Amino acid sequence: MDEEVRRSYLAAGEIVRQALKLAVDRIHVGMPIEELCNLVEGYILDRAELAFPCNISVNEVAAHDSADLKDERVIPKLSLVKVDVGAHVNGYIADAAVSVSFSKTHTRLLKAAKSALDRAVEVMKPGVSLGAVGGVIEKTIRSFGYRPIVNLSGHLLSRYVLHAGKSVPNIRAFMAGKVLHGEVYAVEPFATNGMGRVLEGRNIRIFSLKATPRRKPKERFEKLARLIWLERRGLPFSARWYVKRFSDVDSLVWSMYNRGMARGYPVLIEVEKGLVAQFEYTVIIERDGAFITTPLDFLD
């Protein structure tokens, strides 16, 4: 890996680590979800660029939830909250997550997910099967008496691309490819006391553009799409980021979505409404193993 590229990954990783530490330090019961998203995203934007909207997923929600326009939700009592954030420097992405519990009854579930993450990263070396890494995640989570979420996975990262074609499964899988020297992965075990599968909910709060909008937009939604493309390329975005420039941003984003210009990422919910815990690192695959760019050492 080119040294300048490596420095960008490391810089993004440190910013994400600090953003997550800030979230863990400041989150509390009754805190507005929009306030938490703005806090984390603001920290990142002062130092780098956002790779995607801050995800705040509560209890049975596993992923893809974020503050909406005029969001009135708050952090509930006795909840289990996943905070998943991403930053990029020159397009090189760091993506990491922590789970925060407001009930002692969740402690073992959190430990299952974090232990699975640490064990997975320990075995990620060049030539190792990604399916075998998934097997380590599954075995670890099941050893705690919980289930991995089978239809969520970690993912290969590349410049300006969050999901670059290869996956790190949360269960043992065959024909999943191999870990290669120089690759960068987001590794994210999900553990649950439910069935171990997620389905798409009705709400969509995160979007991304599917293709480059035309250079001379005519319709108002095309003008918004052009602006988003210039700022985000294909990376995910939130409508609330553009409300100061487009007061009707919500209807414009849905116009883009309904015309096939934008894809939406529905909120993902555990099928039995089981609690979900998640921890995530971004790692660079070196000759002797995986180097963690987003250490969660502040949790120790």
Protein backbone atom coordinates (compact mmCIF):
# COMPACT_ATOMS: atom_id res chain seq x y z
CA MET A 1 0.00 0.00 0.00
CA ASP A 2 1.25 3.44 -0.93
CA GLU A 3 2.43 5.35 2.15
CA GLU A 4 0.24 8.37 1.41
CA VAL A 5 -2.81 6.11 1.11
CA ARG A 6 -1.89 4.44 4.39
CA ARG A 7 -1.60 7.82 6.12
CA SER A 8 -5.06 8.74 4.86
CA TYR A 9 -6.55 5.50 6.23
CA LEU A 10 -4.83 6.04 9.57
CA ALA A 11 -5.97 9.66 9.79
CA ALA A 12 -9.56 8.69 9.03
CA GLY A 13 -9.33 5.89 11.58
CA GLU A 14 -8.18 8.18 14.37
CA ILE A 15 -10.96 10.66 13.62
CA VAL A 16 -13.56 7.87 13.76
CA ARG A 17 -12.09 6.56 17.00
CA GLN A 18 -12.33 9.98 18.61
CA ALA A 19 -15.86 10.51 17.25
CA LEU A 20 -16.99 7.23 18.81
CA LYS A 21 -15.30 8.12 22.10
CA LEU A 22 -17.18 11.44 22.07
CA ALA A 23 -20.45 9.59 21.44
CA VAL A 24 -19.83 7.14 24.27
CA ASP A 25 -18.91 9.98 26.64
CA ARG A 26 -21.96 12.10 25.80
CA ILE A 27 -24.79 9.66 25.10
CA HIS A 28 -27.43 9.45 27.81
CA VAL A 29 -31.03 8.38 28.31
CA GLY A 30 -33.37 11.05 26.98
CA MET A 31 -30.78 12.49 24.58
CA PRO A 32 -32.36 13.41 21.23
CA ILE A 33 -31.09 11.11 18.48
CA GLU A 34 -30.72 14.10 16.18
CA GLU A 35 -28.49 15.81 18.76
CA LEU A 36 -26.24 12.76 18.95
CA CYS A 37 -25.99 12.50 15.16
CA ASN A 38 -25.18 16.20 14.84
CA LEU A 39 -22.55 15.94 17.58
CA VAL A 40 -20.72 13.05 15.95
CA GLU A 41 -21.07 14.31 12.40
CA GLY A 42 -19.95 17.79 13.41
CA TYR A 43 -16.84 16.40 15.05
CA ILE A 44 -15.94 14.51 11.87
CA LEU A 45 -16.68 17.42 9.54
CA ASP A 46 -14.31 19.66 11.48
CA ARG A 47 -11.49 17.25 10.62
CA ALA A 48 -12.41 15.20 7.53
CA GLU A 49 -15.41 14.21 5.42
CA LEU A 50 -18.34 11.99 6.32
CA ALA A 51 -18.37 8.53 4.76
CA PHE A 52 -22.05 8.10 5.64
CA PRO A 53 -24.66 9.50 8.05
CA CYS A 54 -24.14 8.61 11.70
CA ASN A 55 -26.16 5.45 12.42
CA ILE A 56 -27.99 5.32 15.75
CA SER A 57 -29.77 1.96 15.95
CA VAL A 58 -31.74 1.13 19.10
CA ASN A 59 -32.59 -2.29 20.56
CA GLU A 60 -33.96 -4.58 17.80
CA VAL A 61 -32.85 -2.20 15.04
CA ALA A 62 -29.53 -3.53 13.75
CA ALA A 63 -28.45 -0.91 11.22
CA HIS A 64 -29.24 1.89 8.77
CA ASP A 65 -31.10 4.10 11.22
CA SER A 66 -30.21 7.77 11.56
CA ALA A 67 -31.83 11.03 12.56
CA ASP A 68 -34.56 12.15 10.22
CA LEU A 69 -35.83 15.63 9.43
CA LYS A 70 -37.63 16.97 12.53
CA ASP A 71 -36.75 13.77 14.39
CA GLU A 72 -38.34 13.73 17.85
CA ARG A 73 -36.95 10.39 19.05
CA VAL A 74 -34.72 10.16 22.11
CA ILE A 75 -32.49 7.47 23.62
CA PRO A 76 -34.90 5.24 25.59
CA LYS A 77 -34.48 3.92 29.12
CA LEU A 78 -32.86 0.48 29.49
CA SER A 79 -31.92 0.52 25.80
CA LEU A 80 -29.08 -1.01 23.81
CA VAL A 81 -27.77 1.53 21.30
CA LYS A 82 -25.45 0.96 18.33
CA VAL A 83 -23.42 3.96 17.15
CA ASP A 84 -21.86 3.38 13.72
CA VAL A 85 -19.82 6.16 12.12
CA GLY A 86 -17.60 6.67 9.10
CA ALA A 87 -15.12 9.26 7.89
CA HIS A 88 -12.90 9.54 4.86
CA VAL A 89 -9.69 11.37 4.09
CA ASN A 90 -9.07 11.79 0.36
CA GLY A 91 -11.69 9.09 -0.20
CA TYR A 92 -10.02 6.52 2.07
CA ILE A 93 -12.62 5.34 4.55
CA ALA A 94 -12.69 4.34 8.20
CA ASP A 95 -15.89 2.70 9.44
CA ALA A 96 -16.38 1.62 13.06
CA ALA A 97 -19.10 1.04 15.62
CA VAL A 98 -19.73 0.52 19.32
CA SER A 99 -22.71 -0.63 21.35
CA VAL A 100 -23.76 1.21 24.49
CA SER A 101 -26.02 -0.41 27.08
CA PHE A 102 -28.25 1.33 29.60
CA SER A 103 -29.10 -1.96 31.32
CA LYS A 104 -26.81 -4.49 33.01
CA THR A 105 -28.89 -7.26 31.43
CA HIS A 106 -27.25 -6.51 28.06
CA THR A 107 -23.65 -6.90 29.26
CA ARG A 108 -23.13 -10.48 28.08
CA LEU A 109 -24.62 -9.76 24.64
CA LEU A 110 -22.22 -6.85 24.16
CA LYS A 111 -19.33 -9.02 25.25
CA ALA A 112 -20.32 -11.66 22.69
CA ALA A 113 -20.18 -9.18 19.81
CA LYS A 114 -16.96 -7.50 20.94
CA SER A 115 -15.22 -10.85 21.58
CA ALA A 116 -16.26 -12.06 18.13
CA LEU A 117 -14.76 -8.93 16.57
CA ASP A 118 -11.46 -9.30 18.40
CA ARG A 119 -11.18 -13.01 17.55
CA ALA A 120 -12.01 -12.39 13.89
CA VAL A 121 -9.33 -9.74 13.52
CA GLU A 122 -6.77 -12.02 15.18
CA VAL A 123 -7.16 -14.59 12.39
CA MET A 124 -7.31 -12.18 9.44
CA LYS A 125 -4.05 -12.76 7.59
CA PRO A 126 -3.26 -12.92 3.87
CA GLY A 127 -4.55 -16.17 2.39
CA VAL A 128 -7.13 -16.86 5.11
CA SER A 129 -10.61 -17.67 3.85
CA LEU A 130 -13.20 -15.01 4.58
CA GLY A 131 -15.61 -17.86 5.24
CA ALA A 132 -13.28 -19.14 7.94
CA VAL A 133 -13.26 -15.67 9.52
CA GLY A 134 -17.05 -15.87 9.53
CA GLY A 135 -16.76 -19.24 11.23
CA VAL A 136 -14.72 -17.68 14.04
CA ILE A 137 -17.35 -14.96 14.47
CA GLU A 138 -20.18 -17.49 14.57
CA LYS A 139 -18.44 -19.85 16.98
CA THR A 140 -17.56 -17.02 19.37
CA ILE A 141 -21.06 -15.54 19.43
CA ARG A 142 -22.69 -18.95 19.89
CA SER A 143 -20.29 -19.74 22.75
CA PHE A 144 -22.00 -16.94 24.69
CA GLY A 145 -25.42 -18.43 23.99
CA TYR A 146 -26.44 -15.96 21.27
CA ARG A 147 -26.82 -16.01 17.50
CA PRO A 148 -24.96 -14.11 14.79
CA ILE A 149 -27.07 -12.22 12.29
CA VAL A 150 -26.67 -14.31 9.15
CA ASN A 151 -27.72 -11.72 6.56
CA LEU A 152 -25.43 -8.92 7.71
CA SER A 153 -21.70 -8.85 7.08
CA GLY A 154 -18.54 -6.83 7.12
CA HIS A 155 -17.20 -5.55 3.82
CA LEU A 156 -14.18 -4.66 1.75
CA LEU A 157 -13.46 -0.93 1.50
CA SER A 158 -11.92 0.96 -1.39
CA ARG A 159 -11.55 4.61 -2.31
CA TYR A 160 -14.95 6.33 -2.08
CA VAL A 161 -16.62 2.88 -1.99
CA LEU A 162 -18.09 1.48 1.23
CA HIS A 163 -18.99 -1.96 -0.09
CA ALA A 164 -16.29 -2.92 -2.58
CA GLY A 165 -17.42 -6.41 -3.54
CA LYS A 166 -16.10 -8.79 -0.87
CA SER A 167 -17.84 -9.58 2.40
CA VAL A 168 -16.81 -10.75 5.87
CA PRO A 169 -19.72 -13.03 6.84
CA ASN A 170 -20.94 -13.45 10.40
CA ILE A 171 -21.27 -17.21 9.91
CA ARG A 172 -19.06 -19.89 8.43
CA ALA A 173 -19.43 -19.72 4.67
CA PHE A 174 -17.92 -21.39 1.64
CA MET A 175 -16.72 -19.67 -1.56
CA ALA A 176 -16.43 -16.35 0.24
CA GLY A 177 -12.98 -15.47 -1.14
CA LYS A 178 -9.72 -14.91 0.71
CA VAL A 179 -8.11 -12.11 2.65
CA LEU A 180 -5.38 -10.46 0.56
CA HIS A 181 -2.39 -8.37 1.51
CA GLY A 182 -3.09 -4.63 1.18
CA GLU A 183 -6.85 -4.91 1.41
CA VAL A 184 -8.91 -2.85 3.86
CA TYR A 185 -11.98 -4.29 5.57
CA ALA A 186 -14.73 -3.13 7.88
CA VAL A 187 -15.32 -6.12 10.17
CA GLU A 188 -18.61 -5.95 12.11
CA PRO A 189 -20.08 -8.90 14.01
CA PHE A 190 -23.74 -8.58 15.01
CA ALA A 191 -24.97 -10.70 17.93
CA THR A 192 -28.60 -11.13 18.96
CA ASN A 193 -30.87 -12.96 21.37
CA GLY A 194 -33.39 -13.21 18.52
CA MET A 195 -33.55 -15.51 15.51
CA GLY A 196 -30.40 -14.15 13.89
CA ARG A 197 -31.81 -12.50 10.78
CA VAL A 198 -32.89 -8.98 9.85
CA LEU A 199 -35.63 -7.71 7.59
CA GLU A 200 -36.20 -4.33 6.00
CA GLY A 201 -38.42 -1.92 7.89
CA ARG A 202 -40.65 0.73 6.34
CA ASN A 203 -38.49 3.74 7.19
CA ILE A 204 -35.70 4.93 4.90
CA ARG A 205 -33.51 7.67 6.34
CA ILE A 206 -30.26 7.08 4.41
CA PHE A 207 -29.84 7.38 0.62
CA SER A 208 -27.14 7.39 -2.05
CA LEU A 209 -27.10 8.38 -5.71
CA LYS A 210 -27.06 5.60 -8.29
CA ALA A 211 -25.45 7.48 -11.18
CA THR A 212 -23.92 10.81 -12.13
CA PRO A 213 -26.69 13.41 -12.66
CA ARG A 214 -26.60 15.43 -15.87
CA ARG A 215 -24.39 18.49 -15.87
CA LYS A 216 -27.19 20.98 -16.61
CA PRO A 217 -30.08 20.06 -14.35
CA LYS A 218 -33.52 21.48 -15.12
CA GLU A 219 -35.82 20.24 -12.38
CA ARG A 220 -35.29 21.23 -8.77
CA PHE A 221 -34.68 17.62 -7.67
CA GLU A 222 -32.04 17.34 -10.41
CA LYS A 223 -30.28 20.41 -9.02
CA LEU A 224 -30.19 18.79 -5.59
CA ALA A 225 -28.93 15.54 -7.12
CA ARG A 226 -26.15 17.42 -8.91
CA LEU A 227 -25.09 19.13 -5.69
CA ILE A 228 -25.11 15.83 -3.79
CA TRP A 229 -23.05 14.15 -6.48
CA LEU A 230 -20.40 16.88 -6.40
CA GLU A 231 -20.17 16.59 -2.60
CA ARG A 232 -20.73 12.87 -2.05
CA ARG A 233 -20.03 10.99 -5.29
CA GLY A 234 -21.72 7.66 -4.55
CA LEU A 235 -21.40 7.80 -0.78
CA PRO A 236 -24.56 7.74 1.38
CA PHE A 237 -26.22 10.95 2.54
CA SER A 238 -29.02 12.22 4.76
CA ALA A 239 -31.73 14.62 3.62
CA ARG A 240 -31.24 16.67 6.79
CA TRP A 241 -27.78 17.70 5.56
CA TYR A 242 -29.39 19.79 2.79
CA VAL A 243 -32.40 21.33 4.49
CA LYS A 244 -30.72 24.74 4.88
CA ARG A 245 -30.13 24.94 1.12
CA PHE A 246 -33.35 23.22 0.01
CA SER A 247 -36.28 23.76 2.38
CA ASP A 248 -38.27 21.14 0.46
CA VAL A 249 -35.42 18.61 0.57
CA ASP A 250 -37.59 15.75 1.81
CA SER A 251 -39.89 15.80 -1.22
CA LEU A 252 -36.92 16.32 -3.55
CA VAL A 253 -35.06 13.29 -2.20
CA TRP A 254 -38.17 11.15 -2.56
CA SER A 255 -38.55 12.42 -6.13
CA MET A 256 -35.01 11.23 -6.81
CA TYR A 257 -35.76 7.89 -5.16
CA ASN A 258 -39.05 7.33 -7.01
CA ARG A 259 -37.39 8.10 -10.35
CA GLY A 260 -34.60 5.59 -9.72
CA MET A 261 -31.90 8.24 -9.35
CA ALA A 262 -31.24 7.36 -5.71
CA ARG A 263 -31.24 4.14 -3.72
CA GLY A 264 -32.58 3.96 -0.19
CA TYR A 265 -31.28 1.92 2.72
CA PRO A 266 -34.26 0.73 4.79
CA VAL A 267 -33.86 0.44 8.54
CA LEU A 268 -32.91 -3.19 9.34
CA ILE A 269 -34.81 -4.90 12.16
CA GLU A 270 -34.22 -8.27 13.81
CA VAL A 271 -37.11 -10.51 12.74
CA GLU A 272 -38.07 -11.58 16.28
CA LYS A 273 -37.45 -8.09 17.70
CA GLY A 274 -34.43 -9.51 19.47
CA LEU A 275 -31.85 -7.16 20.90
CA VAL A 276 -28.84 -6.59 18.65
CA ALA A 277 -25.26 -5.72 19.65
CA GLN A 278 -22.57 -4.63 17.18
CA PHE A 279 -18.91 -3.70 17.30
CA GLU A 280 -16.80 -2.83 14.28
CA TYR A 281 -13.21 -2.11 13.31
CA THR A 282 -11.60 -1.00 10.07
CA VAL A 283 -8.44 -3.03 9.44
CA ILE A 284 -5.59 -2.91 6.95
CA ILE A 285 -4.34 -6.36 5.95
CA GLU A 286 -0.56 -6.47 6.33
CA ARG A 287 1.82 -9.36 5.73
CA ASP A 288 1.71 -10.51 9.34
CA GLY A 289 -1.96 -9.83 10.04
CA ALA A 290 -4.63 -7.14 10.41
CA PHE A 291 -3.75 -3.65 11.63
CA ILE A 292 -6.68 -1.92 13.35
CA THR A 293 -7.09 1.71 12.26
CA THR A 294 -10.02 2.33 14.63
CA PRO A 295 -9.05 0.81 18.02
CA LEU A 296 -11.77 0.99 20.64
CA ASP A 297 -9.27 1.23 23.47
CA PHE A 298 -11.40 3.82 25.29
CA LEU A 299 -13.84 1.01 26.12
CA ASP A 300 -11.28 -0.84 28.26
